[in-house]
N, C-alpha and C. Protein backbone atom coordinates (compact mmCIF):
# COMPACT_ATOMS: atom_id res chain seq x y z
N MET A 1 -16.40 24.98 -2.01
CA MET A 1 -16.01 23.60 -1.66
C MET A 1 -17.04 23.08 -0.65
N ASN A 2 -17.65 21.94 -0.93
CA ASN A 2 -18.65 21.41 -0.01
C ASN A 2 -18.04 20.36 0.91
N GLU A 3 -18.81 19.97 1.93
CA GLU A 3 -18.33 19.00 2.92
C GLU A 3 -17.94 17.66 2.30
N ALA A 4 -18.64 17.27 1.24
CA ALA A 4 -18.35 15.98 0.61
C ALA A 4 -16.95 15.96 0.01
N GLN A 5 -16.35 17.14 -0.16
CA GLN A 5 -15.04 17.20 -0.77
C GLN A 5 -13.94 17.39 0.27
N ARG A 6 -14.26 17.05 1.51
CA ARG A 6 -13.29 17.11 2.59
C ARG A 6 -13.41 15.82 3.40
N ILE A 7 -12.29 15.39 3.93
CA ILE A 7 -12.28 14.19 4.76
C ILE A 7 -11.10 14.33 5.72
N THR A 8 -11.27 13.80 6.92
CA THR A 8 -10.13 13.83 7.83
C THR A 8 -9.17 12.70 7.47
N LEU A 9 -7.92 12.91 7.77
CA LEU A 9 -6.93 11.86 7.51
C LEU A 9 -7.26 10.61 8.32
N GLN A 10 -7.76 10.81 9.54
CA GLN A 10 -8.17 9.69 10.39
C GLN A 10 -9.24 8.84 9.70
N GLU A 11 -10.26 9.50 9.12
CA GLU A 11 -11.33 8.77 8.45
C GLU A 11 -10.79 8.01 7.23
N LEU A 12 -9.90 8.66 6.49
CA LEU A 12 -9.33 8.01 5.31
C LEU A 12 -8.54 6.77 5.70
N LEU A 13 -7.66 6.91 6.69
CA LEU A 13 -6.77 5.81 7.07
C LEU A 13 -7.48 4.68 7.81
N TYR A 14 -8.46 5.02 8.63
CA TYR A 14 -9.03 4.01 9.53
C TYR A 14 -10.49 3.66 9.27
N ASP A 15 -11.07 4.28 8.25
CA ASP A 15 -12.43 3.90 7.86
C ASP A 15 -12.46 3.50 6.38
N ILE A 16 -12.04 4.41 5.52
CA ILE A 16 -12.13 4.17 4.08
C ILE A 16 -11.17 3.08 3.62
N LEU A 17 -9.90 3.18 3.99
CA LEU A 17 -8.92 2.17 3.53
C LEU A 17 -9.25 0.76 4.02
N PRO A 18 -9.63 0.57 5.29
CA PRO A 18 -10.03 -0.79 5.70
C PRO A 18 -11.27 -1.31 4.94
N LYS A 19 -12.22 -0.42 4.67
CA LYS A 19 -13.40 -0.84 3.90
C LYS A 19 -13.00 -1.23 2.48
N LEU A 20 -12.05 -0.51 1.92
CA LEU A 20 -11.57 -0.82 0.59
C LEU A 20 -10.89 -2.19 0.56
N LYS A 21 -10.07 -2.45 1.57
CA LYS A 21 -9.40 -3.75 1.67
C LYS A 21 -10.45 -4.86 1.86
N ALA A 22 -11.43 -4.62 2.71
CA ALA A 22 -12.50 -5.61 2.92
C ALA A 22 -13.28 -5.84 1.62
N ALA A 23 -13.51 -4.79 0.87
CA ALA A 23 -14.22 -4.93 -0.40
C ALA A 23 -13.43 -5.80 -1.36
N GLU A 24 -12.13 -5.60 -1.38
CA GLU A 24 -11.27 -6.41 -2.25
C GLU A 24 -11.37 -7.89 -1.88
N VAL A 25 -11.33 -8.19 -0.59
CA VAL A 25 -11.44 -9.57 -0.13
C VAL A 25 -12.82 -10.13 -0.46
N MET A 26 -13.86 -9.32 -0.25
CA MET A 26 -15.22 -9.77 -0.54
C MET A 26 -15.41 -10.06 -2.02
N ILE A 27 -14.82 -9.23 -2.87
CA ILE A 27 -14.94 -9.46 -4.32
C ILE A 27 -14.35 -10.83 -4.65
N GLN A 28 -13.17 -11.08 -4.12
CA GLN A 28 -12.51 -12.36 -4.39
C GLN A 28 -13.30 -13.53 -3.81
N ASN A 29 -13.61 -13.47 -2.54
CA ASN A 29 -14.22 -14.61 -1.85
C ASN A 29 -15.68 -14.83 -2.22
N THR A 30 -16.48 -13.79 -2.17
CA THR A 30 -17.91 -13.94 -2.42
C THR A 30 -18.20 -14.36 -3.85
N LEU A 31 -17.62 -13.63 -4.80
CA LEU A 31 -17.89 -13.97 -6.19
C LEU A 31 -17.26 -15.29 -6.59
N LEU A 32 -16.13 -15.62 -6.00
CA LEU A 32 -15.52 -16.92 -6.27
C LEU A 32 -16.44 -18.04 -5.77
N ALA A 33 -17.00 -17.86 -4.59
CA ALA A 33 -17.93 -18.87 -4.04
C ALA A 33 -19.17 -19.00 -4.93
N ILE A 34 -19.68 -17.86 -5.41
CA ILE A 34 -20.84 -17.90 -6.30
C ILE A 34 -20.48 -18.60 -7.60
N LEU A 35 -19.31 -18.27 -8.15
CA LEU A 35 -18.87 -18.91 -9.40
C LEU A 35 -18.73 -20.42 -9.25
N GLU A 36 -18.16 -20.85 -8.13
CA GLU A 36 -17.96 -22.28 -7.91
C GLU A 36 -19.29 -23.01 -7.71
N ALA A 37 -20.28 -22.32 -7.15
CA ALA A 37 -21.58 -22.96 -6.89
C ALA A 37 -22.50 -22.93 -8.10
N THR A 38 -22.17 -22.11 -9.07
CA THR A 38 -23.02 -21.94 -10.24
C THR A 38 -22.69 -22.99 -11.31
N GLU A 39 -23.72 -23.69 -11.75
CA GLU A 39 -23.51 -24.72 -12.77
C GLU A 39 -23.94 -24.27 -14.16
N GLN A 40 -24.77 -23.24 -14.21
CA GLN A 40 -25.26 -22.77 -15.50
C GLN A 40 -24.21 -21.89 -16.18
N PRO A 41 -23.84 -22.23 -17.41
CA PRO A 41 -22.80 -21.48 -18.12
C PRO A 41 -23.09 -19.98 -18.26
N LEU A 42 -24.34 -19.63 -18.57
CA LEU A 42 -24.67 -18.21 -18.72
C LEU A 42 -24.54 -17.47 -17.40
N GLU A 43 -24.92 -18.10 -16.32
CA GLU A 43 -24.79 -17.48 -15.00
C GLU A 43 -23.31 -17.35 -14.62
N GLN A 44 -22.50 -18.32 -14.99
CA GLN A 44 -21.07 -18.23 -14.72
C GLN A 44 -20.45 -17.06 -15.47
N VAL A 45 -20.83 -16.90 -16.72
CA VAL A 45 -20.32 -15.78 -17.52
C VAL A 45 -20.76 -14.45 -16.90
N ARG A 46 -22.02 -14.38 -16.49
CA ARG A 46 -22.55 -13.15 -15.88
C ARG A 46 -21.79 -12.81 -14.61
N ARG A 47 -21.55 -13.80 -13.79
CA ARG A 47 -20.83 -13.58 -12.52
C ARG A 47 -19.36 -13.23 -12.77
N GLN A 48 -18.76 -13.82 -13.79
CA GLN A 48 -17.38 -13.49 -14.13
C GLN A 48 -17.30 -12.04 -14.59
N GLU A 49 -18.25 -11.62 -15.40
CA GLU A 49 -18.28 -10.23 -15.85
C GLU A 49 -18.52 -9.28 -14.68
N GLN A 50 -19.37 -9.70 -13.75
CA GLN A 50 -19.63 -8.90 -12.56
C GLN A 50 -18.35 -8.74 -11.74
N GLN A 51 -17.61 -9.82 -11.57
CA GLN A 51 -16.36 -9.77 -10.83
C GLN A 51 -15.36 -8.83 -11.51
N GLU A 52 -15.25 -8.94 -12.82
CA GLU A 52 -14.32 -8.09 -13.56
C GLU A 52 -14.71 -6.61 -13.45
N ALA A 53 -16.00 -6.32 -13.51
CA ALA A 53 -16.47 -4.94 -13.37
C ALA A 53 -16.16 -4.38 -11.98
N LEU A 54 -16.37 -5.20 -10.96
CA LEU A 54 -16.08 -4.77 -9.59
C LEU A 54 -14.59 -4.56 -9.39
N GLU A 55 -13.79 -5.43 -9.96
CA GLU A 55 -12.33 -5.28 -9.85
C GLU A 55 -11.85 -4.01 -10.56
N LEU A 56 -12.46 -3.68 -11.70
CA LEU A 56 -12.11 -2.45 -12.40
C LEU A 56 -12.51 -1.23 -11.56
N GLU A 57 -13.69 -1.28 -10.98
CA GLU A 57 -14.14 -0.20 -10.12
C GLU A 57 -13.18 -0.02 -8.93
N LEU A 58 -12.79 -1.12 -8.34
CA LEU A 58 -11.85 -1.10 -7.22
C LEU A 58 -10.51 -0.50 -7.66
N PHE A 59 -10.06 -0.86 -8.83
CA PHE A 59 -8.80 -0.34 -9.37
C PHE A 59 -8.84 1.18 -9.51
N THR A 60 -9.91 1.70 -10.09
CA THR A 60 -10.00 3.15 -10.29
C THR A 60 -10.11 3.88 -8.94
N ILE A 61 -10.82 3.29 -8.00
CA ILE A 61 -10.90 3.89 -6.65
C ILE A 61 -9.50 3.96 -6.05
N ARG A 62 -8.78 2.86 -6.13
CA ARG A 62 -7.42 2.82 -5.56
C ARG A 62 -6.49 3.85 -6.21
N LEU A 63 -6.61 4.04 -7.52
CA LEU A 63 -5.78 5.05 -8.20
C LEU A 63 -6.00 6.44 -7.61
N HIS A 64 -7.25 6.81 -7.43
CA HIS A 64 -7.57 8.13 -6.89
C HIS A 64 -7.13 8.26 -5.42
N ILE A 65 -7.31 7.21 -4.67
CA ILE A 65 -6.90 7.27 -3.26
C ILE A 65 -5.38 7.32 -3.16
N LYS A 66 -4.70 6.61 -4.04
CA LYS A 66 -3.24 6.67 -4.05
C LYS A 66 -2.79 8.10 -4.36
N HIS A 67 -3.46 8.74 -5.30
CA HIS A 67 -3.16 10.13 -5.63
C HIS A 67 -3.35 11.02 -4.40
N LEU A 68 -4.44 10.81 -3.69
CA LEU A 68 -4.73 11.58 -2.48
C LEU A 68 -3.64 11.36 -1.42
N LEU A 69 -3.28 10.12 -1.20
CA LEU A 69 -2.25 9.80 -0.20
C LEU A 69 -0.90 10.39 -0.61
N THR A 70 -0.63 10.43 -1.90
CA THR A 70 0.62 11.03 -2.38
C THR A 70 0.62 12.53 -2.14
N ARG A 71 -0.50 13.18 -2.43
CA ARG A 71 -0.59 14.62 -2.21
C ARG A 71 -0.40 14.99 -0.74
N TYR A 72 -0.90 14.15 0.13
CA TYR A 72 -0.83 14.42 1.57
C TYR A 72 0.17 13.51 2.27
N SER A 73 1.19 13.08 1.56
CA SER A 73 2.13 12.11 2.12
C SER A 73 2.83 12.62 3.37
N GLN A 74 3.14 13.90 3.44
CA GLN A 74 3.79 14.45 4.63
C GLN A 74 2.85 14.39 5.83
N ASP A 75 1.58 14.66 5.61
CA ASP A 75 0.60 14.59 6.70
C ASP A 75 0.40 13.14 7.16
N VAL A 76 0.37 12.21 6.20
CA VAL A 76 0.24 10.80 6.54
C VAL A 76 1.43 10.37 7.39
N GLN A 77 2.62 10.73 6.93
CA GLN A 77 3.84 10.39 7.66
C GLN A 77 3.83 10.99 9.06
N ALA A 78 3.45 12.25 9.18
CA ALA A 78 3.43 12.92 10.48
C ALA A 78 2.42 12.25 11.42
N MET A 79 1.26 11.86 10.89
CA MET A 79 0.25 11.21 11.72
C MET A 79 0.74 9.84 12.19
N ARG A 80 1.34 9.08 11.30
CA ARG A 80 1.86 7.76 11.67
C ARG A 80 2.96 7.89 12.73
N GLU A 81 3.82 8.89 12.56
CA GLU A 81 4.90 9.13 13.54
C GLU A 81 4.31 9.47 14.91
N SER A 82 3.31 10.36 14.92
CA SER A 82 2.72 10.76 16.19
C SER A 82 2.01 9.58 16.86
N GLU A 83 1.43 8.68 16.08
CA GLU A 83 0.80 7.50 16.64
C GLU A 83 1.84 6.57 17.25
N ARG A 84 2.96 6.41 16.56
CA ARG A 84 4.04 5.57 17.09
C ARG A 84 4.60 6.13 18.39
N ASN A 85 4.65 7.45 18.46
CA ASN A 85 5.20 8.11 19.65
C ASN A 85 4.18 8.28 20.77
N GLY A 86 2.93 7.91 20.48
CA GLY A 86 1.87 8.06 21.47
C GLY A 86 1.42 9.49 21.65
N THR A 87 1.64 10.31 20.65
CA THR A 87 1.26 11.72 20.75
C THR A 87 0.18 12.11 19.74
N ALA A 88 -0.50 11.12 19.19
CA ALA A 88 -1.54 11.41 18.19
C ALA A 88 -2.65 12.23 18.82
N VAL A 89 -3.12 13.22 18.07
CA VAL A 89 -4.15 14.11 18.57
C VAL A 89 -5.28 14.19 17.55
N GLY A 90 -6.49 13.89 17.98
CA GLY A 90 -7.66 14.09 17.15
C GLY A 90 -7.69 13.28 15.87
N ASP A 91 -8.35 13.86 14.89
CA ASP A 91 -8.57 13.18 13.62
C ASP A 91 -7.52 13.53 12.57
N GLY A 92 -6.52 14.27 12.95
CA GLY A 92 -5.51 14.67 11.98
C GLY A 92 -6.04 15.79 11.11
N PRO A 93 -5.29 16.14 10.09
CA PRO A 93 -5.70 17.25 9.23
C PRO A 93 -6.93 16.90 8.39
N VAL A 94 -7.62 17.95 7.97
CA VAL A 94 -8.74 17.79 7.04
C VAL A 94 -8.16 17.89 5.64
N LEU A 95 -8.42 16.87 4.84
CA LEU A 95 -7.89 16.80 3.48
C LEU A 95 -8.92 17.37 2.51
N THR A 96 -8.48 18.18 1.60
CA THR A 96 -9.34 18.71 0.56
C THR A 96 -9.21 17.81 -0.66
N LEU A 97 -10.33 17.31 -1.12
CA LEU A 97 -10.35 16.34 -2.21
C LEU A 97 -10.63 17.01 -3.54
N ASP A 98 -9.94 16.55 -4.59
CA ASP A 98 -10.34 16.99 -5.93
C ASP A 98 -11.57 16.15 -6.32
N ASP A 99 -12.14 16.46 -7.48
CA ASP A 99 -13.38 15.78 -7.87
C ASP A 99 -13.21 14.27 -8.00
N GLY A 100 -12.10 13.83 -8.59
CA GLY A 100 -11.86 12.39 -8.75
C GLY A 100 -11.69 11.69 -7.42
N GLU A 101 -10.99 12.35 -6.50
CA GLU A 101 -10.79 11.76 -5.17
C GLU A 101 -12.09 11.69 -4.40
N ALA A 102 -12.89 12.75 -4.49
CA ALA A 102 -14.18 12.77 -3.79
C ALA A 102 -15.09 11.66 -4.32
N GLN A 103 -15.10 11.50 -5.64
CA GLN A 103 -15.91 10.43 -6.23
C GLN A 103 -15.40 9.06 -5.80
N ALA A 104 -14.08 8.91 -5.72
CA ALA A 104 -13.50 7.63 -5.32
C ALA A 104 -13.88 7.29 -3.87
N ILE A 105 -13.87 8.28 -2.99
CA ILE A 105 -14.25 8.05 -1.59
C ILE A 105 -15.70 7.60 -1.52
N GLU A 106 -16.58 8.30 -2.24
CA GLU A 106 -18.00 7.91 -2.24
C GLU A 106 -18.20 6.53 -2.85
N LYS A 107 -17.51 6.25 -3.94
CA LYS A 107 -17.62 4.94 -4.59
C LYS A 107 -17.10 3.83 -3.68
N ALA A 108 -16.05 4.12 -2.92
CA ALA A 108 -15.51 3.12 -1.99
C ALA A 108 -16.54 2.78 -0.93
N LYS A 109 -17.20 3.79 -0.40
CA LYS A 109 -18.25 3.55 0.61
C LYS A 109 -19.40 2.74 0.02
N MET A 110 -19.84 3.14 -1.18
CA MET A 110 -20.97 2.45 -1.81
C MET A 110 -20.60 1.03 -2.21
N LEU A 111 -19.38 0.83 -2.70
CA LEU A 111 -18.93 -0.51 -3.09
C LEU A 111 -18.94 -1.43 -1.88
N HIS A 112 -18.43 -0.95 -0.78
CA HIS A 112 -18.41 -1.76 0.44
C HIS A 112 -19.83 -2.12 0.87
N GLU A 113 -20.73 -1.15 0.85
CA GLU A 113 -22.13 -1.41 1.22
C GLU A 113 -22.77 -2.44 0.30
N ARG A 114 -22.53 -2.30 -1.01
CA ARG A 114 -23.08 -3.25 -1.99
C ARG A 114 -22.58 -4.66 -1.74
N LEU A 115 -21.29 -4.78 -1.47
CA LEU A 115 -20.71 -6.11 -1.26
C LEU A 115 -21.18 -6.74 0.04
N VAL A 116 -21.35 -5.93 1.08
CA VAL A 116 -21.89 -6.46 2.33
C VAL A 116 -23.31 -6.96 2.10
N ALA A 117 -24.11 -6.20 1.37
CA ALA A 117 -25.48 -6.63 1.06
C ALA A 117 -25.47 -7.91 0.22
N MET A 118 -24.53 -8.00 -0.72
CA MET A 118 -24.43 -9.20 -1.55
C MET A 118 -24.08 -10.42 -0.69
N GLN A 119 -23.16 -10.23 0.24
CA GLN A 119 -22.78 -11.33 1.13
C GLN A 119 -23.96 -11.77 2.00
N LYS A 120 -24.71 -10.81 2.52
CA LYS A 120 -25.88 -11.14 3.34
C LYS A 120 -26.91 -11.91 2.53
N ALA A 121 -27.14 -11.47 1.31
CA ALA A 121 -28.12 -12.16 0.45
C ALA A 121 -27.64 -13.56 0.14
N LEU A 122 -26.36 -13.73 -0.07
CA LEU A 122 -25.79 -15.05 -0.36
C LEU A 122 -25.92 -15.96 0.85
N ALA A 123 -25.70 -15.41 2.04
CA ALA A 123 -25.79 -16.19 3.26
C ALA A 123 -27.22 -16.67 3.53
N LYS A 124 -28.21 -15.85 3.14
CA LYS A 124 -29.61 -16.22 3.33
C LYS A 124 -30.02 -17.34 2.37
N GLY A 125 -29.29 -17.43 1.26
CA GLY A 125 -29.58 -18.46 0.28
C GLY A 125 -30.45 -17.96 -0.75
């Protein structure tokens, strides 16, 4: 088992999941803005297909992460409880990922990076 197939619960809950949520918002807002600004029909179709592909990618990532959260639901619950009680310690348990989950975590990171780059390029004009 390599390091890429392990993640702390802290990293999953407070790094990966927020990036995934941000990616979802960016897909909606950024591509919607591009679609609205695009007047060429072929470009509109291309951007619509791009949005659909990104949404599908996001969906598959979410499925694997949901599976991971379900497998470690007791650990998630225990961590949330300890945070509420002010007794949270460290990064929580280290989660062992199956291949699909590991790929989903990597894809989530890459998707977020791609969308941030897309937003920056759009902002530059």
